[in-house]
PDB file of N, CA and C in Angstrom:
ATOM      1  N   MET A   1      94.194 106.238  99.936  1.00  0.00           N
ATOM      2  CA  MET A   1      95.201 105.477  99.218  1.00  0.00           C
ATOM      3  C   MET A   1      95.483 104.188  99.965  1.00  0.00           C
ATOM      4  N   LYS A   2      95.868 103.180  99.175  1.00  0.00           N
ATOM      5  CA  LYS A   2      96.281 101.940  99.815  1.00  0.00           C
ATOM      6  C   LYS A   2      97.303 101.213  98.953  1.00  0.00           C
ATOM      7  N   PHE A   3      98.172 100.479  99.618  1.00  0.00           N
ATOM      8  CA  PHE A   3      99.158  99.640  98.960  1.00  0.00           C
ATOM      9  C   PHE A   3      98.630  98.221  98.852  1.00  0.00           C
ATOM     10  N   VAL A   4      98.948  97.573  97.740  1.00  0.00           N
ATOM     11  CA  VAL A   4      98.575  96.181  97.526  1.00  0.00           C
ATOM     12  C   VAL A   4      99.818  95.435  97.062  1.00  0.00           C
ATOM     13  N   VAL A   5     100.091  94.298  97.670  1.00  0.00           N
ATOM     14  CA  VAL A   5     101.165  93.413  97.236  1.00  0.00           C
ATOM     15  C   VAL A   5     100.499  92.161  96.698  1.00  0.00           C
ATOM     16  N   ALA A   6     100.823  91.808  95.452  1.00  0.00           N
ATOM     17  CA  ALA A   6     100.192  90.641  94.814  1.00  0.00           C
ATOM     18  C   ALA A   6     101.029  90.197  93.628  1.00  0.00           C
ATOM     19  N   GLU A   7     100.610  89.082  93.031  1.00  0.00           N
ATOM     20  CA  GLU A   7     101.260  88.624  91.809  1.00  0.00           C
ATOM     21  C   GLU A   7     100.699  89.411  90.635  1.00  0.00           C
ATOM     22  N   GLY A   8     101.574  89.823  89.726  1.00  0.00           N
ATOM     23  CA  GLY A   8     101.153  90.565  88.552  1.00  0.00           C
ATOM     24  C   GLY A   8     100.356  89.694  87.598  1.00  0.00           C
ATOM     25  N   ALA A   9      99.367  90.279  86.938  1.00  0.00           N
ATOM     26  CA  ALA A   9      98.494  89.533  86.027  1.00  0.00           C
ATOM     27  C   ALA A   9      99.255  88.976  84.834  1.00  0.00           C
ATOM     28  N   THR A  10     100.228  89.708  84.330  1.00  0.00           N
ATOM     29  CA  THR A  10     100.951  89.238  83.155  1.00  0.00           C
ATOM     30  C   THR A  10     102.215  88.463  83.503  1.00  0.00           C
ATOM     31  N   SER A  11     102.892  88.864  84.565  1.00  0.00           N
ATOM     32  CA  SER A  11     104.160  88.209  84.906  1.00  0.00           C
ATOM     33  C   SER A  11     103.987  87.018  85.841  1.00  0.00           C
ATOM     34  N   GLY A  12     102.935  87.063  86.668  1.00  0.00           N
ATOM     35  CA  GLY A  12     102.753  86.020  87.673  1.00  0.00           C
ATOM     36  C   GLY A  12     103.733  86.122  88.829  1.00  0.00           C
ATOM     37  N   LYS A  13     104.503  87.209  88.870  1.00  0.00           N
ATOM     38  CA  LYS A  13     105.494  87.406  89.925  1.00  0.00           C
ATOM     39  C   LYS A  13     105.041  88.530  90.850  1.00  0.00           C
ATOM     40  N   PRO A  14     105.435  88.480  92.121  1.00  0.00           N
ATOM     41  CA  PRO A  14     105.004  89.493  93.085  1.00  0.00           C
ATOM     42  C   PRO A  14     105.544  90.887  92.771  1.00  0.00           C
ATOM     43  N   ALA A  15     104.718  91.890  93.054  1.00  0.00           N
ATOM     44  CA  ALA A  15     105.064  93.301  92.938  1.00  0.00           C
ATOM     45  C   ALA A  15     104.136  94.052  93.885  1.00  0.00           C
ATOM     46  N   TRP A  16     104.306  95.366  93.970  1.00  0.00           N
ATOM     47  CA  TRP A  16     103.369  96.161  94.768  1.00  0.00           C
ATOM     48  C   TRP A  16     102.816  97.290  93.929  1.00  0.00           C
ATOM     49  N   TRP A  17     101.614  97.741  94.308  1.00  0.00           N
ATOM     50  CA  TRP A  17     100.923  98.844  93.637  1.00  0.00           C
ATOM     51  C   TRP A  17     100.371  99.794  94.691  1.00  0.00           C
ATOM     52  N   LEU A  18     100.309 101.073  94.335  1.00  0.00           N
ATOM     53  CA  LEU A  18      99.655 102.076  95.161  1.00  0.00           C
ATOM     54  C   LEU A  18      98.398 102.498  94.428  1.00  0.00           C
ATOM     55  N   LEU A  19      97.247 102.360  95.094  1.00  0.00           N
ATOM     56  CA  LEU A  19      95.954 102.692  94.512  1.00  0.00           C
ATOM     57  C   LEU A  19      95.380 103.929  95.180  1.00  0.00           C
ATOM     58  N   ASP A  20      94.685 104.763  94.397  1.00  0.00           N
ATOM     59  CA  ASP A  20      94.004 105.899  95.009  1.00  0.00           C
ATOM     60  C   ASP A  20      92.676 105.430  95.592  1.00  0.00           C
ATOM     61  N   ASP A  21      91.914 106.326  96.166  1.00  0.00           N
ATOM     62  CA  ASP A  21      90.672 105.956  96.839  1.00  0.00           C
ATOM     63  C   ASP A  21      89.618 105.392  95.896  1.00  0.00           C
ATOM     64  N   ALA A  22      89.747 105.678  94.612  1.00  0.00           N
ATOM     65  CA  ALA A  22      88.808 105.154  93.611  1.00  0.00           C
ATOM     66  C   ALA A  22      89.303 103.826  93.018  1.00  0.00           C
ATOM     67  N   GLY A  23      90.462 103.354  93.480  1.00  0.00           N
ATOM     68  CA  GLY A  23      91.011 102.097  92.974  1.00  0.00           C
ATOM     69  C   GLY A  23      91.902 102.240  91.761  1.00  0.00           C
ATOM     70  N   ARG A  24      92.183 103.488  91.343  1.00  0.00           N
ATOM     71  CA  ARG A  24      93.065 103.730  90.194  1.00  0.00           C
ATOM     72  C   ARG A  24      94.510 103.520  90.614  1.00  0.00           C
ATOM     73  N   ARG A  25      95.276 102.855  89.777  1.00  0.00           N
ATOM     74  CA  ARG A  25      96.687 102.613  90.077  1.00  0.00           C
ATOM     75  C   ARG A  25      97.495 103.889  89.885  1.00  0.00           C
ATOM     76  N   LEU A  26      98.078 104.364  90.966  1.00  0.00           N
ATOM     77  CA  LEU A  26      98.928 105.545  90.903  1.00  0.00           C
ATOM     78  C   LEU A  26     100.359 105.171  90.549  1.00  0.00           C
ATOM     79  N   GLY A  27     100.852 104.126  91.176  1.00  0.00           N
ATOM     80  CA  GLY A  27     102.236 103.723  90.963  1.00  0.00           C
ATOM     81  C   GLY A  27     102.425 102.259  91.261  1.00  0.00           C
ATOM     82  N   TRP A  28     103.578 101.769  90.847  1.00  0.00           N
ATOM     83  CA  TRP A  28     103.901 100.369  91.142  1.00  0.00           C
ATOM     84  C   TRP A  28     105.388 100.260  91.411  1.00  0.00           C
ATOM     85  N   SER A  29     105.816  99.112  91.843  1.00  0.00           N
ATOM     86  CA  SER A  29     107.194  98.900  92.265  1.00  0.00           C
ATOM     87  C   SER A  29     108.210  99.060  91.144  1.00  0.00           C
ATOM     88  N   GLY A  30     107.778  99.049  89.912  1.00  0.00           N
ATOM     89  CA  GLY A  30     108.708  99.218  88.803  1.00  0.00           C
ATOM     90  C   GLY A  30     109.448  97.961  88.423  1.00  0.00           C
ATOM     91  N   ARG A  31     109.252  96.916  89.195  1.00  0.00           N
ATOM     92  CA  ARG A  31     109.862  95.619  88.907  1.00  0.00           C
ATOM     93  C   ARG A  31     109.139  94.543  89.704  1.00  0.00           C
ATOM     94  N   THR A  32     109.393  93.315  89.357  1.00  0.00           N
ATOM     95  CA  THR A  32     108.831  92.202  90.116  1.00  0.00           C
ATOM     96  C   THR A  32     109.885  91.687  91.087  1.00  0.00           C
ATOM     97  N   PHE A  33     109.434  90.847  92.019  1.00  0.00           N
ATOM     98  CA  PHE A  33     110.321  90.324  93.055  1.00  0.00           C
ATOM     99  C   PHE A  33     110.279  88.805  93.066  1.00  0.00           C
ATOM    100  N   ARG A  34     111.264  88.198  93.720  1.00  0.00           N
ATOM    101  CA  ARG A  34     111.348  86.732  93.791  1.00  0.00           C
ATOM    102  C   ARG A  34     110.277  86.138  94.688  1.00  0.00           C
ATOM    103  N   SER A  35     109.840  86.918  95.676  1.00  0.00           N
ATOM    104  CA  SER A  35     108.850  86.394  96.619  1.00  0.00           C
ATOM    105  C   SER A  35     107.903  87.507  97.055  1.00  0.00           C
ATOM    106  N   THR A  36     106.772  87.095  97.602  1.00  0.00           N
ATOM    107  CA  THR A  36     105.819  88.058  98.145  1.00  0.00           C
ATOM    108  C   THR A  36     106.436  88.800  99.324  1.00  0.00           C
ATOM    109  N   ALA A  37     107.223  88.098 100.121  1.00  0.00           N
ATOM    110  CA  ALA A  37     107.876  88.736 101.271  1.00  0.00           C
ATOM    111  C   ALA A  37     108.838  89.835 100.810  1.00  0.00           C
ATOM    112  N   GLU A  38     109.558  89.593  99.727  1.00  0.00           N
ATOM    113  CA  GLU A  38     110.484  90.600  99.187  1.00  0.00           C
ATOM    114  C   GLU A  38     109.706  91.808  98.650  1.00  0.00           C
ATOM    115  N   ALA A  39     108.589  91.563  97.966  1.00  0.00           N
ATOM    116  CA  ALA A  39     107.748  92.657  97.460  1.00  0.00           C
ATOM    117  C   ALA A  39     107.168  93.458  98.623  1.00  0.00           C
ATOM    118  N   HIS A  40     106.748  92.771  99.662  1.00  0.00           N
ATOM    119  CA  HIS A  40     106.196  93.427 100.846  1.00  0.00           C
ATOM    120  C   HIS A  40     107.248  94.317 101.506  1.00  0.00           C
ATOM    121  N   ALA A  41     108.472  93.811 101.633  1.00  0.00           N
ATOM    122  CA  ALA A  41     109.553  94.594 102.241  1.00  0.00           C
ATOM    123  C   ALA A  41     109.869  95.834 101.406  1.00  0.00           C
ATOM    124  N   ALA A  42     109.883  95.693 100.082  1.00  0.00           N
ATOM    125  CA  ALA A  42     110.145  96.840  99.198  1.00  0.00           C
ATOM    126  C   ALA A  42     109.026  97.867  99.314  1.00  0.00           C
ATOM    127  N   CYS A  43     107.799  97.411  99.424  1.00  0.00           N
ATOM    128  CA  CYS A  43     106.655  98.299  99.570  1.00  0.00           C
ATOM    129  C   CYS A  43     106.741  99.069 100.883  1.00  0.00           C
ATOM    130  N   THR A  44     107.051  98.381 101.939  1.00  0.00           N
ATOM    131  CA  THR A  44     107.182  99.005 103.252  1.00  0.00           C
ATOM    132  C   THR A  44     108.291 100.058 103.237  1.00  0.00           C
ATOM    133  N   ALA A  45     109.404  99.746 102.578  1.00  0.00           N
ATOM    134  CA  ALA A  45     110.522 100.687 102.483  1.00  0.00           C
ATOM    135  C   ALA A  45     110.122 101.922 101.674  1.00  0.00           C
ATOM    136  N   PHE A  46     109.397 101.715 100.567  1.00  0.00           N
ATOM    137  CA  PHE A  46     108.954 102.854  99.767  1.00  0.00           C
ATOM    138  C   PHE A  46     108.006 103.734 100.572  1.00  0.00           C
ATOM    139  N   LYS A  47     107.073 103.115 101.257  1.00  0.00           N
ATOM    140  CA  LYS A  47     106.102 103.871 102.057  1.00  0.00           C
ATOM    141  C   LYS A  47     106.817 104.761 103.072  1.00  0.00           C
ATOM    142  N   ALA A  48     107.838 104.230 103.713  1.00  0.00           N
ATOM    143  CA  ALA A  48     108.578 104.985 104.723  1.00  0.00           C
ATOM    144  C   ALA A  48     109.408 106.107 104.110  1.00  0.00           C
ATOM    145  N   ALA A  49     109.864 105.924 102.868  1.00  0.00           N
ATOM    146  CA  ALA A  49     110.773 106.885 102.245  1.00  0.00           C
ATOM    147  C   ALA A  49     110.104 107.829 101.245  1.00  0.00           C
ATOM    148  N   ALA A  50     108.834 107.632 100.948  1.00  0.00           N
ATOM    149  CA  ALA A  50     108.182 108.363  99.856  1.00  0.00           C
ATOM    150  C   ALA A  50     108.284 109.882  99.982  1.00  0.00           C
ATOM    151  N   VAL A  51     108.016 110.410 101.153  1.00  0.00           N
ATOM    152  CA  VAL A  51     108.000 111.863 101.322  1.00  0.00           C
ATOM    153  C   VAL A  51     109.366 112.475 101.054  1.00  0.00           C
ATOM    154  N   GLY A  52     110.435 111.813 101.441  1.00  0.00           N
ATOM    155  CA  GLY A  52     111.778 112.359 101.260  1.00  0.00           C
ATOM    156  C   GLY A  52     112.480 111.920  99.993  1.00  0.00           C
ATOM    157  N   SER A  53     111.827 111.127  99.158  1.00  0.00           N
ATOM    158  CA  SER A  53     112.456 110.618  97.944  1.00  0.00           C
ATOM    159  C   SER A  53     112.421 111.632  96.813  1.00  0.00           C
ATOM    160  N   ARG A  54     113.241 111.391  95.819  1.00  0.00           N
ATOM    161  CA  ARG A  54     113.324 112.270  94.653  1.00  0.00           C
ATOM    162  C   ARG A  54     112.350 111.799  93.570  1.00  0.00           C
ATOM    163  N   PHE A  55     111.320 112.571  93.313  1.00  0.00           N
ATOM    164  CA  PHE A  55     110.360 112.277  92.261  1.00  0.00           C
ATOM    165  C   PHE A  55     110.812 112.987  90.985  1.00  0.00           C
ATOM    166  N   GLU A  56     110.818 112.264  89.873  1.00  0.00           N
ATOM    167  CA  GLU A  56     111.201 112.833  88.589  1.00  0.00           C
ATOM    168  C   GLU A  56     110.049 112.692  87.607  1.00  0.00           C
ATOM    169  N   VAL A  57     109.763 113.742  86.882  1.00  0.00           N
ATOM    170  CA  VAL A  57     108.775 113.710  85.805  1.00  0.00           C
ATOM    171  C   VAL A  57     109.571 113.720  84.503  1.00  0.00           C
ATOM    172  N   TYR A  58     109.225 112.829  83.571  1.00  0.00           N
ATOM    173  CA  TYR A  58     110.023 112.686  82.350  1.00  0.00           C
ATOM    174  C   TYR A  58     109.154 112.243  81.173  1.00  0.00           C
ATOM    175  N   LEU A  59     109.682 112.425  79.975  1.00  0.00           N
ATOM    176  CA  LEU A  59     109.048 111.917  78.756  1.00  0.00           C
ATOM    177  C   LEU A  59     109.639 110.550  78.460  1.00  0.00           C
ATOM    178  N   ASP A  60     108.770 109.553  78.258  1.00  0.00           N
ATOM    179  CA  ASP A  60     109.270 108.216  77.940  1.00  0.00           C
ATOM    180  C   ASP A  60     109.570 108.110  76.439  1.00  0.00           C
ATOM    181  N   GLY A  61     109.941 106.935  75.990  1.00  0.00           N
ATOM    182  CA  GLY A  61     110.293 106.711  74.596  1.00  0.00           C
ATOM    183  C   GLY A  61     109.150 106.905  73.621  1.00  0.00           C
ATOM    184  N   ARG A  62     107.935 106.905  74.114  1.00  0.00           N
ATOM    185  CA  ARG A  62     106.746 107.123  73.274  1.00  0.00           C
ATOM    186  C   ARG A  62     106.236 108.556  73.354  1.00  0.00           C
ATOM    187  N   GLU A  63     107.063 109.432  73.952  1.00  0.00           N
ATOM    188  CA  GLU A  63     106.688 110.838  74.109  1.00  0.00           C
ATOM    189  C   GLU A  63     105.467 111.019  75.009  1.00  0.00           C
ATOM    190  N   GLN A  64     105.355 110.171  76.039  1.00  0.00           N
ATOM    191  CA  GLN A  64     104.298 110.293  77.035  1.00  0.00           C
ATOM    192  C   GLN A  64     104.940 110.665  78.367  1.00  0.00           C
ATOM    193  N   TRP A  65     104.238 111.501  79.119  1.00  0.00           N
ATOM    194  CA  TRP A  65     104.755 111.935  80.412  1.00  0.00           C
ATOM    195  C   TRP A  65     104.542 110.862  81.471  1.00  0.00           C
ATOM    196  N   ARG A  66     105.541 110.651  82.279  1.00  0.00           N
ATOM    197  CA  ARG A  66     105.496 109.699  83.386  1.00  0.00           C
ATOM    198  C   ARG A  66     106.254 110.291  84.563  1.00  0.00           C
ATOM    199  N   TRP A  67     106.164 109.628  85.710  1.00  0.00           N
ATOM    200  CA  TRP A  67     106.991 109.987  86.849  1.00  0.00           C
ATOM    201  C   TRP A  67     107.628 108.722  87.391  1.00  0.00           C
ATOM    202  N   ARG A  68     108.729 108.911  88.110  1.00  0.00           N
ATOM    203  CA  ARG A  68     109.408 107.812  88.795  1.00  0.00           C
ATOM    204  C   ARG A  68     110.014 108.359  90.075  1.00  0.00           C
ATOM    205  N   VAL A  69     110.321 107.444  90.974  1.00  0.00           N
ATOM    206  CA  VAL A  69     110.923 107.807  92.254  1.00  0.00           C
ATOM    207  C   VAL A  69     112.266 107.101  92.349  1.00  0.00           C
ATOM    208  N   ARG A  70     113.278 107.846  92.722  1.00  0.00           N
ATOM    209  CA  ARG A  70     114.624 107.271  92.846  1.00  0.00           C
ATOM    210  C   ARG A  70     115.141 107.459  94.272  1.00  0.00           C
ATOM    211  N   ASP A  71     115.955 106.505  94.699  1.00  0.00           N
ATOM    212  CA  ASP A  71     116.584 106.638  96.014  1.00  0.00           C
ATOM    213  C   ASP A  71     117.884 107.433  95.881  1.00  0.00           C
ATOM    214  N   GLU A  72     118.607 107.563  96.976  1.00  0.00           N
ATOM    215  CA  GLU A  72     119.821 108.382  96.982  1.00  0.00           C
ATOM    216  C   GLU A  72     120.924 107.822  96.086  1.00  0.00           C
ATOM    217  N   ARG A  73     120.879 106.534  95.754  1.00  0.00           N
ATOM    218  CA  ARG A  73     121.861 105.920  94.853  1.00  0.00           C
ATOM    219  C   ARG A  73     121.424 105.991  93.393  1.00  0.00           C
ATOM    220  N   GLY A  74     120.191 106.458  93.158  1.00  0.00           N
ATOM    221  CA  GLY A  74     119.679 106.538  91.792  1.00  0.00           C
ATOM    222  C   GLY A  74     118.857 105.341  91.370  1.00  0.00           C
ATOM    223  N   ALA A  75     118.681 104.368  92.269  1.00  0.00           N
ATOM    224  CA  ALA A  75     117.868 103.191  91.936  1.00  0.00           C
ATOM    225  C   ALA A  75     116.393 103.573  91.907  1.00  0.00           C
ATOM    226  N   THR A  76     115.656 103.025  90.963  1.00  0.00           N
ATOM    227  CA  THR A  76     114.230 103.311  90.845  1.00  0.00           C
ATOM    228  C   THR A  76     113.462 102.573  91.932  1.00  0.00           C
ATOM    229  N   LEU A  77     112.661 103.306  92.705  1.00  0.00           N
ATOM    230  CA  LEU A  77     111.846 102.732  93.771  1.00  0.00           C
ATOM    231  C   LEU A  77     110.399 102.535  93.352  1.00  0.00           C
ATOM    232  N   ALA A  78     109.928 103.337  92.401  1.00  0.00           N
ATOM    233  CA  ALA A  78     108.537 103.253  91.956  1.00  0.00           C
ATOM    234  C   ALA A  78     108.406 103.956  90.617  1.00  0.00           C
ATOM    235  N   LEU A  79     107.368 103.568  89.879  1.00  0.00           N
ATOM    236  CA  LEU A  79     107.056 104.164  88.588  1.00  0.00           C
ATOM    237  C   LEU A  79     105.587 104.513  88.532  1.00  0.00           C
ATOM    238  N   ALA A  80     105.239 105.514  87.707  1.00  0.00           N
ATOM    239  CA  ALA A  80     103.834 105.811  87.459  1.00  0.00           C
ATOM    240  C   ALA A  80     103.215 104.617  86.745  1.00  0.00           C
ATOM    241  N   SER A  81     101.996 104.283  87.107  1.00  0.00           N
ATOM    242  CA  SER A  81     101.311 103.169  86.461  1.00  0.00           C
ATOM    243  C   SER A  81     100.724 103.547  85.118  1.00  0.00           C
ATOM    244  N   THR A  82     100.503 104.816  84.909  1.00  0.00           N
ATOM    245  CA  THR A  82      99.899 105.257  83.657  1.00  0.00           C
ATOM    246  C   THR A  82     100.780 106.308  83.001  1.00  0.00           C
ATOM    247  N   ALA A  83     100.556 106.493  81.721  1.00  0.00           N
ATOM    248  CA  ALA A  83     101.209 107.584  81.002  1.00  0.00           C
ATOM    249  C   ALA A  83     100.245 108.761  80.980  1.00  0.00           C
ATOM    250  N   PHE A  84     100.783 109.948  80.928  1.00  0.00           N
ATOM    251  CA  PHE A  84      99.972 111.161  80.967  1.00  0.00           C
ATOM    252  C   PHE A  84     100.131 111.925  79.665  1.00  0.00           C
ATOM    253  N   ALA A  85      99.067 112.587  79.262  1.00  0.00           N
ATOM    254  CA  ALA A  85      99.071 113.352  78.015  1.00  0.00           C
ATOM    255  C   ALA A  85      99.904 114.625  78.131  1.00  0.00           C
ATOM    256  N   ASN A  86     100.053 115.119  79.374  1.00  0.00           N
ATOM    257  CA  ASN A  86     100.820 116.350  79.542  1.00  0.00           C
ATOM    258  C   ASN A  86     101.616 116.309  80.839  1.00  0.00           C
ATOM    259  N   ARG A  87     102.599 117.183  80.905  1.00  0.00           N
ATOM    260  CA  ARG A  87     103.493 117.225  82.062  1.00  0.00           C
ATOM    261  C   ARG A  87     102.734 117.594  83.338  1.00  0.00           C
ATOM    262  N   SER A  88     101.807 118.506  83.240  1.00  0.00           N
ATOM    263  CA  SER A  88     101.061 118.975  84.404  1.00  0.00           C
ATOM    264  C   SER A  88     100.329 117.836  85.114  1.00  0.00           C
ATOM    265  N   ASP A  89      99.682 116.957  84.357  1.00  0.00           N
ATOM    266  CA  ASP A  89      98.972 115.830  84.969  1.00  0.00           C
ATOM    267  C   ASP A  89      99.940 114.874  85.653  1.00  0.00           C
ATOM    268  N   SER A  90     101.108 114.675  85.047  1.00  0.00           N
ATOM    269  CA  SER A  90     102.112 113.808  85.650  1.00  0.00           C
ATOM    270  C   SER A  90     102.628 114.398  86.959  1.00  0.00           C
ATOM    271  N   VAL A  91     102.875 115.703  86.968  1.00  0.00           N
ATOM    272  CA  VAL A  91     103.330 116.384  88.184  1.00  0.00           C
ATOM    273  C   VAL A  91     102.276 116.280  89.282  1.00  0.00           C
ATOM    274  N   THR A  92     101.006 116.488  88.929  1.00  0.00           N
ATOM    275  CA  THR A  92      99.912 116.403  89.901  1.00  0.00           C
ATOM    276  C   THR A  92      99.838 115.007  90.512  1.00  0.00           C
ATOM    277  N   ASP A  93      99.953 113.972  89.688  1.00  0.00           N
ATOM    278  CA  ASP A  93      99.890 112.602  90.163  1.00  0.00           C
ATOM    279  C   ASP A  93     101.100 112.267  91.038  1.00  0.00           C
ATOM    280  N   ALA A  94     102.269 112.705  90.627  1.00  0.00           N
ATOM    281  CA  ALA A  94     103.480 112.464  91.425  1.00  0.00           C
ATOM    282  C   ALA A  94     103.367 113.139  92.786  1.00  0.00           C
ATOM    283  N   HIS A  95     102.851 114.361  92.806  1.00  0.00           N
ATOM    284  CA  HIS A  95     102.684 115.079  94.075  1.00  0.00           C
ATOM    285  C   HIS A  95     101.691 114.359  94.992  1.00  0.00           C
ATOM    286  N   ALA A  96     100.587 113.874  94.426  1.00  0.00           N
ATOM    287  CA  ALA A  96      99.596 113.140  95.223  1.00  0.00           C
ATOM    288  C   ALA A  96     100.242 111.892  95.820  1.00  0.00           C
ATOM    289  N   THR A  97     101.071 111.228  95.048  1.00  0.00           N
ATOM    290  CA  THR A  97     101.751 110.025  95.536  1.00  0.00           C
ATOM    291  C   THR A  97     102.731 110.391  96.634  1.00  0.00           C
ATOM    292  N   ARG A  98     103.515 111.415  96.410  1.00  0.00           N
ATOM    293  CA  ARG A  98     104.518 111.812  97.388  1.00  0.00           C
ATOM    294  C   ARG A  98     103.883 112.189  98.716  1.00  0.00           C
ATOM    295  N   THR A  99     102.797 112.931  98.679  1.00  0.00           N
ATOM    296  CA  THR A  99     102.178 113.407  99.916  1.00  0.00           C
ATOM    297  C   THR A  99     101.279 112.367 100.569  1.00  0.00           C
ATOM    298  N   GLY A 100     100.755 111.425  99.805  1.00  0.00           N
ATOM    299  CA  GLY A 100      99.807 110.464 100.354  1.00  0.00           C
ATOM    300  C   GLY A 100     100.346 109.082 100.664  1.00  0.00           C
ATOM    301  N   ALA A 101     101.466 108.709 100.064  1.00  0.00           N
ATOM    302  CA  ALA A 101     101.962 107.339 100.220  1.00  0.00           C
ATOM    303  C   ALA A 101     102.340 107.007 101.666  1.00  0.00           C
ATOM    304  N   GLY A 102     102.898 107.943 102.367  1.00  0.00           N
ATOM    305  CA  GLY A 102     103.336 107.688 103.733  1.00  0.00           C
ATOM    306  C   GLY A 102     102.199 107.339 104.686  1.00  0.00           C
ATOM    307  N   SER A 103     101.003 107.840 104.411  1.00  0.00           N
ATOM    308  CA  SER A 103      99.857 107.560 105.280  1.00  0.00           C
ATOM    309  C   SER A 103      98.865 106.586 104.654  1.00  0.00           C
ATOM    310  N   ALA A 104      99.238 106.003 103.512  1.00  0.00           N
ATOM    311  CA  ALA A 104      98.348 105.050 102.833  1.00  0.00           C
ATOM    312  C   ALA A 104      98.166 103.785 103.667  1.00  0.00           C
ATOM    313  N   ILE A 105      97.053 103.136 103.482  1.00  0.00           N
ATOM    314  CA  ILE A 105      96.761 101.853 104.134  1.00  0.00           C
ATOM    315  C   ILE A 105      97.656 100.780 103.534  1.00  0.00           C
ATOM    316  N   GLY A 106      98.109  99.858 104.351  1.00  0.00           N
ATOM    317  CA  GLY A 106      98.914  98.739 103.876  1.00  0.00           C
ATOM    318  C   GLY A 106     100.390  99.042 103.942  1.00  0.00           C
ATOM    319  N   PRO A 107     101.207  98.184 103.524  1.00  0.00           N
ATOM    320  CA  PRO A 107     100.871  96.956 102.771  1.00  0.00           C
ATOM    321  C   PRO A 107     100.321  95.878 103.638  1.00  0.00           C
TER     322      PRO A 107
END
């Protein structure tokens, strides 16, 4: 796994992404930032807190399964990059992120 901080293709604003070893996007910051430095700091904070954070699996408005990570105040720290056809796949992906993000390369 590795973290990447870059400008988003559609927004042109900085954000961070977590990629698996095959380059598939597992998660992203869930929002854009004012600067690359701010995105980098948020990524570093998520990496440090991932193992102890609260991961939630939920159905979105389109009835697709997703996961998100919230801090102790309830603020969203990360979102799944993809939607899943079933809850089990979302749980598996969230678990991989939770266990692997702390030792991922980067940011």
